Amino acid sequence: MNKAEDDKQTIEQIDDVALKDTDDQHDLEDGNGNENGNGHGHGNKKKKTANNQLDEAQEILARSGHVEFTQEDNKRVLRKIDIFVCIPMCIVYCIQQLDKGAVAQGAVFDLRESTGLKGSEYSCYVSQLVCQPLSSYALVVFPVKYWVMFNFISWSVVTICSAAATSFAGLMVARLLLGAFEATILPSFVFITQMWWTRREQSYRTVAYQIANSMASLFGPLLAFGVGHVKSGIKPYQGIFICMGGLSLAMVPLVWYLLPNSPTTAKFLRKGDDRLIALERLKENQTGTKSSTWKWNQVWETYRDPKTYMWAAMYLCTATPSGGIGSFSGLILKGFKFDSFQTTLMHMPTGVIGILTLWIGILFTNKFKCRWLVIFTITLAPIAGATAICRLSRDNIPGLMTSFYIAYILAGIQPLLYSWANLNAAGTTKRVVTFSTMFVFQCVGNIVGPQVYLEKEAPYYYTGLYVDIGCWSVLCLLIVAMRIYLGRLNKKQASRRAALGMPAEWEDMSIMTTEEAAAYKLKLTEHMRAHGLDEAKLYENAFDDMTDIENPAFIYVV
């Protein structure tokens, strides 16, 4: 990797300015001079923020030229990204689930009796629903790190303060605030994942922080079990809130130190050509990194795109069962004739089941490059498990427990759906709006789910389980429909590429292994040269903040 000295000075200057922007939020003149950030303007200037990664990525790569790097260089930079980006995401997502699950754990230790809660009033996702539009806008215009940390610290404090709630009204105020601060985390992480990793790597990183989320189902009951045995002047459920919130606050300094804002401002990429390599790696995605300009045309396209409504419907169908079972799983287990401490311990394997389901699911999806079939197959398991719970006798404890654990394979559906949807959207604003819409429908499902678990049916909850079975069945149909639709879109993209002088039959290198991608890229380049095609067209739109529909080089992942 030989570069002129002035190129290296350019990178250092850009680093210094970008990092200064991160701290001081000063305006930066757009060197490309384009209002839309595509680098084709003629002297116009725009206000830039520290989080305007799209423009800075273009500027860095344009001034430095193409950078050649080895597989060892790629792996070295990837390790750094995993340490400084993936690890803090895993920590935050695990902690979020611990805090969110505090109510479910407290319900086993007389939270209902102490606060006057009723069965259908356990979960409150209304605030997440209301706050999601604000969160979407904030993700685009504010530095991602600061937005995530603000919400992380806020919900930690609210969780601790929940211990002071001794009535339904007090607890609901705390839950409303908690929902508002937690609303941004998953959409933020989906967004961050696209900013840092290639599409072949995104699935594993998405599953990594989702596994961390599942680990909360393993450690949460264990912490609750220990706190429940502590004899003190406070009630067990209050101790659970204080313990979970305190643990959350304790993680804040570590996450703050590790988590960067963007590939163009991250301090850990200042050594050598690491920043150039990190940006060059992302070209294959054809999704860019991030623009801090809110683009209304991408909003309109999002809501004209049938995929948006299909993803949203899928999330409604998966969130309704998970919202119900997630809130009432402890009471369902308690209905199998376990006491509070036994119920807490019997709930622990659900975390292991979630981890195994995710890991096996992602291995199969990446090996066979067929996401829809893997998700479809996994969805059949909770249908079978919930059906068995409804049919088995309450005296058949082994059968009921086996069915319950099979039903809990549902924990793998939602993360794999997010990973699949994440691979099929491009354009900064469109990505944010798409996933925010999905999250809104997830919130609706989480609101509806507990309402169908009727108090009068405790501990059987047949209505809730039948509704869950119906939702999973509809989800199976939607998965098949999405597979067919994405296949048709890829055929249209192939026709567009042919008309533009690009290879029509273009395989998606971003989901290949590194070795497969390198070999195919060489083959594709030779093919284009042999047919007189311009190989520069392969990545000419990679950082133009184009949507998946606008960019003919975009390939949909099925």
Protein backbone atom coordinates (compact mmCIF):
# COMPACT_ATOMS: atom_id res chain seq x y z
CA MET A 1 0.00 0.00 0.00
CA ASN A 2 2.15 2.87 -1.32
CA LYS A 3 0.65 6.34 -1.13
CA ALA A 4 2.01 9.83 -1.69
CA GLU A 5 2.89 11.80 1.41
CA ASP A 6 0.32 14.47 0.62
CA ASP A 7 -2.44 11.85 0.56
CA LYS A 8 -1.53 10.79 4.07
CA GLN A 9 -1.50 14.39 5.19
CA THR A 10 -4.97 14.79 3.69
CA ILE A 11 -6.26 11.88 5.74
CA GLU A 12 -4.69 13.25 8.91
CA GLN A 13 -6.22 16.66 8.27
CA ILE A 14 -9.65 15.15 7.67
CA ASP A 15 -9.26 13.07 10.85
CA ASP A 16 -8.40 16.16 12.87
CA VAL A 17 -11.31 18.17 11.50
CA ALA A 18 -13.77 15.29 11.91
CA LEU A 19 -12.71 14.60 15.46
CA LYS A 20 -12.89 18.29 16.29
CA ASP A 21 -16.42 18.30 14.85
CA THR A 22 -17.33 15.36 17.04
CA ASP A 23 -16.41 17.30 20.16
CA ASP A 24 -17.40 20.84 19.22
CA GLN A 25 -20.09 20.38 16.54
CA HIS A 26 -18.49 23.08 14.37
CA ASP A 27 -19.56 23.54 10.78
CA LEU A 28 -17.31 22.12 8.10
CA GLU A 29 -17.16 23.28 4.52
CA ASP A 30 -18.16 20.62 2.03
CA GLY A 31 -15.13 19.95 -0.10
CA ASN A 32 -17.26 18.28 -2.76
CA GLY A 33 -19.63 21.22 -2.78
CA ASN A 34 -22.81 19.28 -3.30
CA GLU A 35 -25.94 19.98 -1.32
CA ASN A 36 -27.12 16.39 -1.49
CA GLY A 37 -23.73 14.97 -0.55
CA ASN A 38 -23.15 13.05 -3.79
CA GLY A 39 -19.93 14.84 -4.66
CA HIS A 40 -21.06 16.23 -8.03
CA GLY A 41 -21.84 19.82 -7.14
CA HIS A 42 -20.16 22.95 -8.45
CA GLY A 43 -19.08 25.19 -5.64
CA ASN A 44 -22.15 25.00 -3.42
CA LYS A 45 -21.61 24.70 0.31
CA LYS A 46 -23.61 22.89 2.93
CA LYS A 47 -23.53 22.72 6.67
CA LYS A 48 -21.93 19.52 7.89
CA THR A 49 -22.10 17.88 11.27
CA ALA A 50 -19.77 15.41 12.91
CA ASN A 51 -22.10 12.64 11.88
CA ASN A 52 -22.12 13.43 8.16
CA GLN A 53 -20.28 10.25 7.28
CA LEU A 54 -21.44 10.05 3.69
CA ASP A 55 -19.75 13.26 2.56
CA GLU A 56 -16.61 12.61 4.59
CA ALA A 57 -16.33 9.05 3.30
CA GLN A 58 -16.49 10.30 -0.28
CA GLU A 59 -13.95 13.02 0.42
CA ILE A 60 -11.46 10.69 2.08
CA LEU A 61 -11.63 8.08 -0.68
CA ALA A 62 -11.63 10.67 -3.47
CA ARG A 63 -8.50 12.41 -2.19
CA SER A 64 -6.55 9.31 -1.27
CA GLY A 65 -7.43 7.21 -4.28
CA HIS A 66 -8.08 3.49 -4.33
CA VAL A 67 -6.36 1.60 -1.54
CA GLU A 68 -5.12 -1.96 -1.99
CA PHE A 69 -5.15 -4.16 1.08
CA THR A 70 -4.55 -7.81 1.87
CA GLN A 71 -6.86 -10.28 3.58
CA GLU A 72 -4.69 -9.91 6.68
CA ASP A 73 -5.27 -6.15 6.64
CA ASN A 74 -8.99 -6.71 6.27
CA LYS A 75 -9.09 -9.12 9.20
CA ARG A 76 -7.03 -6.78 11.37
CA VAL A 77 -9.36 -3.83 10.77
CA LEU A 78 -12.40 -6.06 11.22
CA ARG A 79 -11.10 -7.19 14.63
CA LYS A 80 -10.77 -3.57 15.70
CA ILE A 81 -14.31 -2.80 14.55
CA ASP A 82 -15.68 -5.80 16.43
CA ILE A 83 -13.95 -4.74 19.64
CA PHE A 84 -14.88 -1.07 19.54
CA VAL A 85 -18.34 -1.31 17.96
CA CYS A 86 -19.81 -4.79 18.39
CA ILE A 87 -18.82 -5.33 22.03
CA PRO A 88 -20.46 -2.13 23.35
CA MET A 89 -23.57 -2.91 21.30
CA CYS A 90 -23.73 -6.35 22.93
CA ILE A 91 -23.34 -4.83 26.39
CA VAL A 92 -26.06 -2.23 25.86
CA TYR A 93 -28.54 -4.67 24.34
CA CYS A 94 -28.03 -7.23 27.09
CA ILE A 95 -28.50 -4.56 29.75
CA GLN A 96 -31.59 -3.22 28.02
CA GLN A 97 -33.23 -6.63 28.13
CA LEU A 98 -32.30 -7.06 31.80
CA ASP A 99 -33.96 -3.75 32.61
CA LYS A 100 -36.97 -4.49 30.43
CA GLY A 101 -37.39 -7.91 32.01
CA ALA A 102 -37.35 -6.53 35.55
CA VAL A 103 -41.15 -6.24 35.58
CA ALA A 104 -41.60 -9.84 34.40
CA GLN A 105 -39.15 -11.02 37.08
CA GLY A 106 -40.80 -8.85 39.71
CA ALA A 107 -44.20 -10.29 38.79
CA VAL A 108 -43.07 -13.63 40.14
CA PHE A 109 -42.21 -11.94 43.46
CA ASP A 110 -45.57 -10.36 44.28
CA LEU A 111 -45.23 -7.22 42.16
CA ARG A 112 -48.92 -7.53 41.24
CA GLU A 113 -50.11 -7.60 44.81
CA SER A 114 -47.85 -4.73 45.91
CA THR A 115 -48.69 -2.32 43.09
CA GLY A 116 -52.19 -3.40 42.11
CA LEU A 117 -51.20 -4.53 38.63
CA LYS A 118 -53.58 -6.70 36.65
CA GLY A 119 -52.59 -9.28 34.08
CA SER A 120 -53.24 -7.26 30.94
CA GLU A 121 -51.49 -4.17 32.33
CA TYR A 122 -47.96 -5.55 32.62
CA SER A 123 -46.31 -4.03 29.59
CA CYS A 124 -46.58 -0.52 28.24
CA TYR A 125 -45.10 0.10 24.80
CA VAL A 126 -47.25 3.12 24.06
CA SER A 127 -44.39 5.52 24.78
CA GLN A 128 -42.12 3.63 22.38
CA LEU A 129 -44.80 3.97 19.74
CA VAL A 130 -45.16 7.71 20.32
CA CYS A 131 -41.43 8.43 20.57
CA GLN A 132 -40.35 6.46 17.51
CA PRO A 133 -40.75 9.32 14.95
CA LEU A 134 -38.59 11.60 17.10
CA SER A 135 -36.02 8.86 17.50
CA SER A 136 -35.92 8.29 13.74
CA TYR A 137 -35.20 11.94 13.05
CA ALA A 138 -32.58 12.07 15.80
CA LEU A 139 -30.75 9.09 14.31
CA VAL A 140 -30.18 11.00 11.10
CA VAL A 141 -29.27 14.46 12.40
CA PHE A 142 -27.44 13.70 15.69
CA PRO A 143 -24.20 11.79 16.31
CA VAL A 144 -25.24 8.19 16.86
CA LYS A 145 -22.99 7.64 19.88
CA TYR A 146 -24.38 10.60 21.81
CA TRP A 147 -27.98 9.69 21.05
CA VAL A 148 -27.47 6.09 22.18
CA MET A 149 -25.61 7.11 25.34
CA PHE A 150 -28.23 9.69 26.32
CA ASN A 151 -30.94 7.06 26.18
CA PHE A 152 -28.78 4.40 27.85
CA ILE A 153 -28.06 6.58 30.88
CA SER A 154 -31.66 7.78 31.08
CA TRP A 155 -33.29 4.36 31.16
CA SER A 156 -30.74 3.14 33.72
CA VAL A 157 -31.79 5.91 36.09
CA VAL A 158 -35.49 5.24 35.44
CA THR A 159 -35.04 1.52 36.20
CA ILE A 160 -33.54 2.33 39.60
CA CYS A 161 -36.30 4.83 40.31
CA SER A 162 -38.92 2.17 39.49
CA ALA A 163 -38.17 0.64 42.89
CA ALA A 164 -39.88 3.64 44.47
CA ALA A 165 -43.17 2.86 42.70
CA THR A 166 -45.68 1.31 45.10
CA SER A 167 -48.81 1.76 43.00
CA PHE A 168 -50.01 1.04 39.50
CA ALA A 169 -49.84 4.74 38.57
CA GLY A 170 -46.26 5.13 39.77
CA LEU A 171 -45.09 2.00 38.02
CA MET A 172 -46.79 3.00 34.76
CA VAL A 173 -45.09 6.41 34.79
CA ALA A 174 -41.76 4.65 35.16
CA ARG A 175 -42.61 2.19 32.38
CA LEU A 176 -43.68 5.01 30.05
CA LEU A 177 -40.34 6.75 30.58
CA LEU A 178 -38.45 3.50 30.20
CA GLY A 179 -40.22 2.77 26.92
CA ALA A 180 -39.43 6.25 25.61
CA PHE A 181 -35.71 5.88 26.29
CA GLU A 182 -35.50 2.29 25.03
CA ALA A 183 -37.33 3.09 21.78
CA THR A 184 -34.19 4.12 19.94
CA ILE A 185 -31.82 1.26 20.77
CA LEU A 186 -32.73 -1.47 18.29
CA PRO A 187 -33.25 0.91 15.32
CA SER A 188 -29.94 2.55 16.24
CA PHE A 189 -28.12 -0.76 16.28
CA VAL A 190 -29.55 -1.85 12.94
CA PHE A 191 -28.38 1.48 11.57
CA ILE A 192 -24.90 1.21 13.12
CA THR A 193 -24.51 -2.30 11.74
CA GLN A 194 -24.91 -1.06 8.18
CA MET A 195 -22.41 1.74 8.82
CA TRP A 196 -19.56 -0.55 9.86
CA TRP A 197 -19.81 -4.03 8.35
CA THR A 198 -20.19 -5.58 4.92
CA ARG A 199 -23.41 -7.44 4.28
CA ARG A 200 -21.66 -10.79 4.65
CA GLU A 201 -20.57 -9.71 8.13
CA GLN A 202 -23.75 -7.96 9.21
CA SER A 203 -25.71 -11.12 9.94
CA TYR A 204 -23.15 -12.40 12.42
CA ARG A 205 -22.90 -9.04 14.19
CA THR A 206 -26.66 -8.64 14.33
CA VAL A 207 -26.93 -12.10 15.84
CA ALA A 208 -24.07 -11.29 18.24
CA TYR A 209 -25.95 -8.49 19.97
CA GLN A 210 -29.20 -10.42 19.71
CA ILE A 211 -27.49 -13.33 21.48
CA ALA A 212 -26.39 -10.86 24.14
CA ASN A 213 -30.05 -9.95 24.44
CA SER A 214 -30.93 -13.62 24.90
CA MET A 215 -28.23 -13.94 27.56
CA ALA A 216 -30.30 -11.54 29.63
CA SER A 217 -32.97 -14.25 29.72
CA LEU A 218 -30.33 -16.52 31.23
CA PHE A 219 -28.81 -14.12 33.77
CA GLY A 220 -31.94 -12.13 34.55
CA PRO A 221 -33.73 -14.98 36.35
CA LEU A 222 -30.48 -15.89 38.12
CA LEU A 223 -30.08 -12.33 39.42
CA ALA A 224 -33.75 -12.24 40.41
CA PHE A 225 -33.35 -15.57 42.20
CA GLY A 226 -30.43 -14.21 44.22
CA VAL A 227 -32.07 -10.88 45.00
CA GLY A 228 -35.29 -12.66 45.96
CA HIS A 229 -33.44 -14.51 48.73
CA VAL A 230 -31.92 -11.36 50.22
CA LYS A 231 -33.53 -10.40 53.50
CA SER A 232 -33.66 -6.62 53.75
CA GLY A 233 -35.98 -3.73 54.44
CA ILE A 234 -37.15 -3.59 50.83
CA LYS A 235 -39.37 -5.97 48.91
CA PRO A 236 -37.83 -8.44 46.45
CA TYR A 237 -39.22 -6.71 43.35
CA GLN A 238 -37.72 -3.40 44.54
CA GLY A 239 -34.35 -5.07 44.96
CA ILE A 240 -34.63 -6.40 41.41
CA PHE A 241 -35.18 -2.91 39.98
CA ILE A 242 -32.25 -1.46 41.96
CA CYS A 243 -29.94 -4.32 41.01
CA MET A 244 -30.75 -4.19 37.28
CA GLY A 245 -30.56 -0.39 37.08
CA GLY A 246 -27.34 -0.24 39.09
CA LEU A 247 -25.69 -2.80 36.82
CA SER A 248 -26.79 -0.74 33.83
CA LEU A 249 -25.25 2.46 35.18
CA ALA A 250 -22.02 0.64 35.99
CA MET A 251 -21.57 -0.21 32.30
CA VAL A 252 -21.93 3.39 31.08
CA PRO A 253 -18.21 4.40 31.32
CA LEU A 254 -17.04 1.32 29.41
CA VAL A 255 -19.58 1.78 26.61
CA TRP A 256 -18.77 5.49 26.37
CA TYR A 257 -15.06 4.72 26.00
CA LEU A 258 -15.51 2.07 23.31
CA LEU A 259 -18.40 3.17 21.11
CA PRO A 260 -17.39 5.51 18.23
CA ASN A 261 -19.58 7.82 16.16
CA SER A 262 -18.67 6.74 12.64
CA PRO A 263 -16.03 5.11 10.44
CA THR A 264 -14.77 8.55 9.41
CA THR A 265 -14.25 9.89 12.94
CA ALA A 266 -13.34 6.79 14.97
CA LYS A 267 -10.07 7.30 16.84
CA PHE A 268 -9.18 3.62 16.73
CA LEU A 269 -8.84 3.85 12.91
CA ARG A 270 -6.23 6.62 12.91
CA LYS A 271 -3.27 4.26 12.56
CA GLY A 272 -1.85 3.88 9.05
CA ASP A 273 -4.43 3.14 6.36
CA ASP A 274 -7.00 1.60 8.70
CA ARG A 275 -9.62 4.27 8.01
CA LEU A 276 -9.24 3.89 4.25
CA ILE A 277 -9.54 0.12 4.54
CA ALA A 278 -12.63 0.42 6.74
CA LEU A 279 -14.32 2.63 4.13
CA GLU A 280 -13.13 0.68 1.10
CA ARG A 281 -14.62 -2.49 2.58
CA LEU A 282 -18.10 -0.93 2.56
CA LYS A 283 -18.26 -0.31 -1.20
CA GLU A 284 -19.65 -3.78 -1.88
CA ASN A 285 -22.73 -3.03 0.22
CA GLN A 286 -23.98 -0.41 -2.25
CA THR A 287 -25.68 1.26 0.75
CA GLY A 288 -23.15 3.95 1.71
CA THR A 289 -22.50 4.75 5.35
CA LYS A 290 -24.60 7.68 6.53
CA SER A 291 -25.82 11.13 5.52
CA SER A 292 -26.94 13.66 8.10
CA THR A 293 -29.44 15.18 5.65
CA TRP A 294 -33.07 14.18 6.15
CA LYS A 295 -34.36 13.41 2.64
CA TRP A 296 -38.11 13.61 2.19
CA ASN A 297 -38.00 11.92 -1.21
CA GLN A 298 -36.66 8.81 0.52
CA VAL A 299 -39.49 9.02 3.05
CA TRP A 300 -42.07 9.06 0.25
CA GLU A 301 -40.34 6.17 -1.49
CA THR A 302 -40.36 4.16 1.72
CA TYR A 303 -44.13 4.38 1.99
CA ARG A 304 -44.62 3.62 -1.70
CA ASP A 305 -42.49 0.50 -1.38
CA PRO A 306 -44.52 -2.70 -0.76
CA LYS A 307 -41.58 -4.17 1.15
CA THR A 308 -42.13 -1.65 3.94
CA TYR A 309 -45.62 -2.94 4.64
CA MET A 310 -44.59 -6.57 4.29
CA TRP A 311 -41.76 -6.15 6.82
CA ALA A 312 -44.10 -4.26 9.13
CA ALA A 313 -46.74 -6.99 8.91
CA MET A 314 -44.11 -9.63 9.65
CA TYR A 315 -43.08 -7.74 12.74
CA LEU A 316 -46.62 -7.36 13.93
CA CYS A 317 -47.04 -11.12 13.58
CA THR A 318 -43.88 -11.94 15.49
CA ALA A 319 -44.11 -9.19 18.14
CA THR A 320 -47.66 -10.04 19.19
CA PRO A 321 -46.71 -13.55 20.38
CA SER A 322 -43.37 -12.47 21.85
CA GLY A 323 -45.04 -9.57 23.65
CA GLY A 324 -47.59 -11.90 25.19
CA ILE A 325 -45.36 -14.81 26.06
CA GLY A 326 -42.55 -12.48 27.09
CA SER A 327 -44.80 -10.82 29.67
CA PHE A 328 -46.60 -13.94 30.85
CA SER A 329 -43.99 -16.68 30.51
CA GLY A 330 -43.30 -16.58 34.24
CA LEU A 331 -46.99 -16.93 35.06
CA ILE A 332 -47.42 -19.69 32.47
CA LEU A 333 -44.61 -21.61 34.15
CA LYS A 334 -46.06 -20.90 37.56
CA GLY A 335 -49.27 -22.46 36.27
CA PHE A 336 -47.33 -25.70 35.84
CA LYS A 337 -47.42 -25.95 39.67
CA PHE A 338 -44.01 -24.38 40.42
CA ASP A 339 -43.41 -21.92 43.24
CA SER A 340 -41.80 -18.51 42.68
CA PHE A 341 -38.19 -19.66 43.03
CA GLN A 342 -38.72 -22.80 40.92
CA THR A 343 -40.42 -20.71 38.24
CA THR A 344 -37.44 -18.36 38.12
CA LEU A 345 -34.98 -21.22 37.70
CA MET A 346 -37.11 -23.04 35.12
CA HIS A 347 -37.16 -19.86 33.05
CA MET A 348 -33.38 -19.79 32.68
CA PRO A 349 -33.11 -22.32 29.80
CA THR A 350 -35.11 -19.97 27.57
CA GLY A 351 -32.01 -17.81 27.25
CA VAL A 352 -29.95 -20.80 26.13
CA ILE A 353 -32.66 -21.76 23.64
CA GLY A 354 -32.63 -18.25 22.19
CA ILE A 355 -28.85 -18.27 21.82
CA LEU A 356 -28.76 -21.71 20.16
CA THR A 357 -31.61 -20.85 17.81
CA LEU A 358 -29.92 -17.65 16.67
CA TRP A 359 -26.52 -19.24 16.22
CA ILE A 360 -27.79 -22.25 14.30
CA GLY A 361 -30.10 -20.04 12.25
CA ILE A 362 -27.37 -17.66 11.16
CA LEU A 363 -24.98 -20.51 10.34
CA PHE A 364 -27.55 -22.03 8.00
CA THR A 365 -28.54 -18.72 6.40
CA ASN A 366 -24.94 -17.81 5.60
CA LYS A 367 -23.94 -21.29 4.51
CA PHE A 368 -26.84 -21.78 2.11
CA LYS A 369 -27.49 -18.05 1.45
CA CYS A 370 -31.21 -18.68 1.84
CA ARG A 371 -32.67 -16.63 4.65
CA TRP A 372 -36.36 -17.02 3.95
CA LEU A 373 -36.36 -20.82 4.22
CA VAL A 374 -34.44 -20.84 7.51
CA ILE A 375 -36.79 -18.28 9.10
CA PHE A 376 -39.82 -20.15 7.74
CA THR A 377 -38.61 -23.42 9.27
CA ILE A 378 -37.86 -21.85 12.65
CA THR A 379 -41.36 -20.34 12.75
CA LEU A 380 -42.91 -23.81 12.62
CA ALA A 381 -41.39 -24.72 16.01
CA PRO A 382 -43.35 -22.28 18.22
CA ILE A 383 -46.54 -23.23 16.37
CA ALA A 384 -45.97 -26.83 17.41
CA GLY A 385 -44.93 -25.93 20.97
CA ALA A 386 -47.88 -23.62 21.68
CA THR A 387 -50.32 -26.13 20.21
CA ALA A 388 -48.97 -28.83 22.50
CA ILE A 389 -49.29 -26.59 25.58
CA CYS A 390 -52.96 -26.07 24.76
CA ARG A 391 -53.62 -29.78 24.32
CA LEU A 392 -51.58 -31.45 27.07
CA SER A 393 -52.90 -32.24 30.53
CA ARG A 394 -51.69 -30.01 33.38
CA ASP A 395 -50.46 -33.14 35.13
CA ASN A 396 -48.04 -33.88 32.30
CA ILE A 397 -45.27 -31.62 33.61
CA PRO A 398 -42.42 -33.06 31.44
CA GLY A 399 -44.54 -32.71 28.30
CA LEU A 400 -45.60 -29.18 29.20
CA MET A 401 -42.04 -28.09 29.92
CA THR A 402 -40.77 -29.61 26.67
CA SER A 403 -43.53 -27.86 24.73
CA PHE A 404 -42.81 -24.57 26.49
CA TYR A 405 -39.13 -24.72 25.57
CA ILE A 406 -39.96 -25.63 21.96
CA ALA A 407 -42.33 -22.67 21.80
CA TYR A 408 -39.51 -20.43 23.04
CA ILE A 409 -37.65 -21.02 19.79
CA LEU A 410 -39.71 -17.95 18.87
CA ALA A 411 -36.81 -15.94 20.33
CA GLY A 412 -34.86 -16.55 17.12
CA ILE A 413 -37.48 -15.29 14.68
CA GLN A 414 -37.36 -11.56 15.38
CA PRO A 415 -33.56 -11.09 15.20
CA LEU A 416 -33.30 -13.12 11.99
CA LEU A 417 -36.08 -11.04 10.45
CA TYR A 418 -34.25 -7.85 11.41
CA SER A 419 -31.08 -9.19 9.85
CA TRP A 420 -32.92 -10.10 6.64
CA ALA A 421 -34.66 -6.73 6.39
CA ASN A 422 -31.40 -4.94 7.17
CA LEU A 423 -29.79 -6.44 4.07
CA ASN A 424 -32.58 -5.23 1.79
CA ALA A 425 -32.72 -1.47 2.37
CA ALA A 426 -30.47 1.36 1.23
CA GLY A 427 -30.45 5.13 1.57
CA THR A 428 -29.87 6.71 4.98
CA THR A 429 -33.32 8.20 5.45
CA LYS A 430 -35.08 5.23 3.87
CA ARG A 431 -33.27 2.78 6.13
CA VAL A 432 -34.18 4.76 9.22
CA VAL A 433 -37.82 5.19 8.21
CA THR A 434 -38.17 1.54 7.18
CA PHE A 435 -36.87 0.19 10.46
CA SER A 436 -38.74 2.77 12.47
CA THR A 437 -41.94 1.65 10.77
CA MET A 438 -41.10 -1.95 11.58
CA PHE A 439 -40.41 -0.96 15.16
CA VAL A 440 -43.74 0.87 15.40
CA PHE A 441 -45.53 -2.31 14.37
CA GLN A 442 -43.37 -4.23 16.81
CA CYS A 443 -44.57 -1.88 19.54
CA VAL A 444 -48.17 -2.42 18.43
CA GLY A 445 -47.62 -6.17 18.68
CA ASN A 446 -46.05 -5.80 22.11
CA ILE A 447 -49.08 -3.77 23.21
CA VAL A 448 -51.63 -6.18 21.74
CA GLY A 449 -49.83 -9.38 22.80
CA PRO A 450 -50.39 -9.11 26.57
CA GLN A 451 -54.00 -7.98 26.12
CA VAL A 452 -55.07 -11.34 24.70
CA TYR A 453 -53.70 -13.15 27.78
CA LEU A 454 -56.90 -12.85 29.77
CA GLU A 455 -56.71 -12.80 33.57
CA LYS A 456 -59.82 -14.97 33.84
CA GLU A 457 -58.06 -17.75 31.90
CA ALA A 458 -55.02 -17.91 34.20
CA PRO A 459 -52.94 -20.03 34.34
CA TYR A 460 -53.93 -21.59 31.00
CA TYR A 461 -54.25 -18.48 28.81
CA TYR A 462 -55.77 -20.40 25.92
CA THR A 463 -56.96 -17.30 24.04
CA GLY A 464 -53.47 -15.81 24.10
CA LEU A 465 -51.86 -19.00 22.88
CA TYR A 466 -54.37 -19.45 20.06
CA VAL A 467 -53.81 -15.87 18.90
CA ASP A 468 -50.07 -16.52 18.94
CA ILE A 469 -50.48 -19.63 16.80
CA GLY A 470 -52.52 -17.63 14.30
CA CYS A 471 -49.88 -14.89 14.11
CA TRP A 472 -47.09 -17.36 13.43
CA SER A 473 -49.16 -19.02 10.72
CA VAL A 474 -49.72 -15.69 8.94
CA LEU A 475 -46.01 -14.95 9.33
CA CYS A 476 -45.18 -18.12 7.40
CA LEU A 477 -47.32 -16.91 4.48
CA LEU A 478 -45.69 -13.48 4.54
CA ILE A 479 -42.19 -14.98 4.48
CA VAL A 480 -43.03 -16.92 1.32
CA ALA A 481 -44.61 -13.82 -0.25
CA MET A 482 -41.49 -11.74 0.50
CA ARG A 483 -39.27 -14.37 -1.08
CA ILE A 484 -41.28 -14.25 -4.29
CA TYR A 485 -41.35 -10.44 -4.36
CA LEU A 486 -37.60 -10.03 -3.78
CA GLY A 487 -36.92 -12.52 -6.57
CA ARG A 488 -38.98 -10.41 -8.97
CA LEU A 489 -37.16 -7.25 -7.90
CA ASN A 490 -33.80 -8.87 -8.65
CA LYS A 491 -34.98 -9.69 -12.18
CA LYS A 492 -35.95 -6.04 -12.69
CA GLN A 493 -32.55 -4.92 -11.39
CA ALA A 494 -30.82 -7.26 -13.84
CA SER A 495 -32.75 -5.70 -16.74
CA ARG A 496 -31.79 -2.19 -15.58
CA ARG A 497 -28.11 -3.11 -15.36
CA ALA A 498 -28.13 -4.54 -18.86
CA ALA A 499 -29.69 -1.35 -20.23
CA LEU A 500 -26.99 0.74 -18.51
CA GLY A 501 -24.07 -1.24 -19.89
CA MET A 502 -23.47 -3.20 -16.71
CA PRO A 503 -23.40 -6.98 -16.22
CA ALA A 504 -26.99 -8.19 -15.90
CA GLU A 505 -26.18 -11.42 -14.09
CA TRP A 506 -24.31 -9.95 -11.17
CA GLU A 507 -23.92 -12.04 -8.04
CA ASP A 508 -23.99 -10.36 -4.65
CA MET A 509 -20.39 -10.25 -3.45
CA SER A 510 -21.40 -8.65 -0.16
CA ILE A 511 -22.86 -11.92 1.17
CA MET A 512 -20.01 -14.14 -0.06
CA THR A 513 -17.09 -15.15 2.09
CA THR A 514 -14.02 -12.95 1.72
CA GLU A 515 -12.26 -15.53 -0.44
CA GLU A 516 -15.34 -16.10 -2.63
CA ALA A 517 -15.82 -12.36 -3.09
CA ALA A 518 -12.18 -11.79 -4.10
CA ALA A 519 -12.30 -14.59 -6.68
CA TYR A 520 -15.64 -13.48 -8.10
CA LYS A 521 -14.58 -9.83 -8.27
CA LEU A 522 -11.55 -10.81 -10.34
CA LYS A 523 -13.73 -12.92 -12.63
CA LEU A 524 -16.30 -10.14 -13.00
CA THR A 525 -13.64 -7.52 -13.77
CA GLU A 526 -12.14 -9.72 -16.49
CA HIS A 527 -15.61 -10.31 -17.93
CA MET A 528 -16.34 -6.58 -18.09
CA ARG A 529 -13.02 -5.80 -19.75
CA ALA A 530 -13.55 -8.55 -22.30
CA HIS A 531 -16.94 -7.10 -23.23
CA GLY A 532 -15.78 -3.49 -23.27
CA LEU A 533 -17.69 -2.54 -20.12
CA ASP A 534 -16.52 0.11 -17.68
CA GLU A 535 -15.50 -1.62 -14.46
CA ALA A 536 -15.70 1.70 -12.61
CA LYS A 537 -19.49 1.36 -12.79
CA LEU A 538 -19.35 -1.44 -10.23
CA TYR A 539 -19.10 0.96 -7.31
CA GLU A 540 -19.85 4.39 -8.77
CA ASN A 541 -23.00 4.72 -6.62
CA ALA A 542 -21.65 3.05 -3.49
CA PHE A 543 -21.51 6.26 -1.40
CA ASP A 544 -24.18 8.31 -3.19
CA ASP A 545 -26.86 7.67 -0.55
CA MET A 546 -29.11 6.11 -3.17
CA THR A 547 -32.00 3.90 -2.17
CA ASP A 548 -32.18 0.24 -3.14
CA ILE A 549 -34.71 1.13 -5.85
CA GLU A 550 -32.59 3.97 -7.26
CA ASN A 551 -29.32 2.03 -7.38
CA PRO A 552 -29.22 -0.55 -10.22
CA ALA A 553 -26.19 -2.22 -8.60
CA PHE A 554 -28.20 -3.13 -5.50
CA ILE A 555 -29.02 -6.84 -5.18
CA TYR A 556 -31.81 -8.03 -2.90
CA VAL A 557 -31.00 -10.85 -0.50
CA VAL A 558 -33.49 -13.71 -0.34
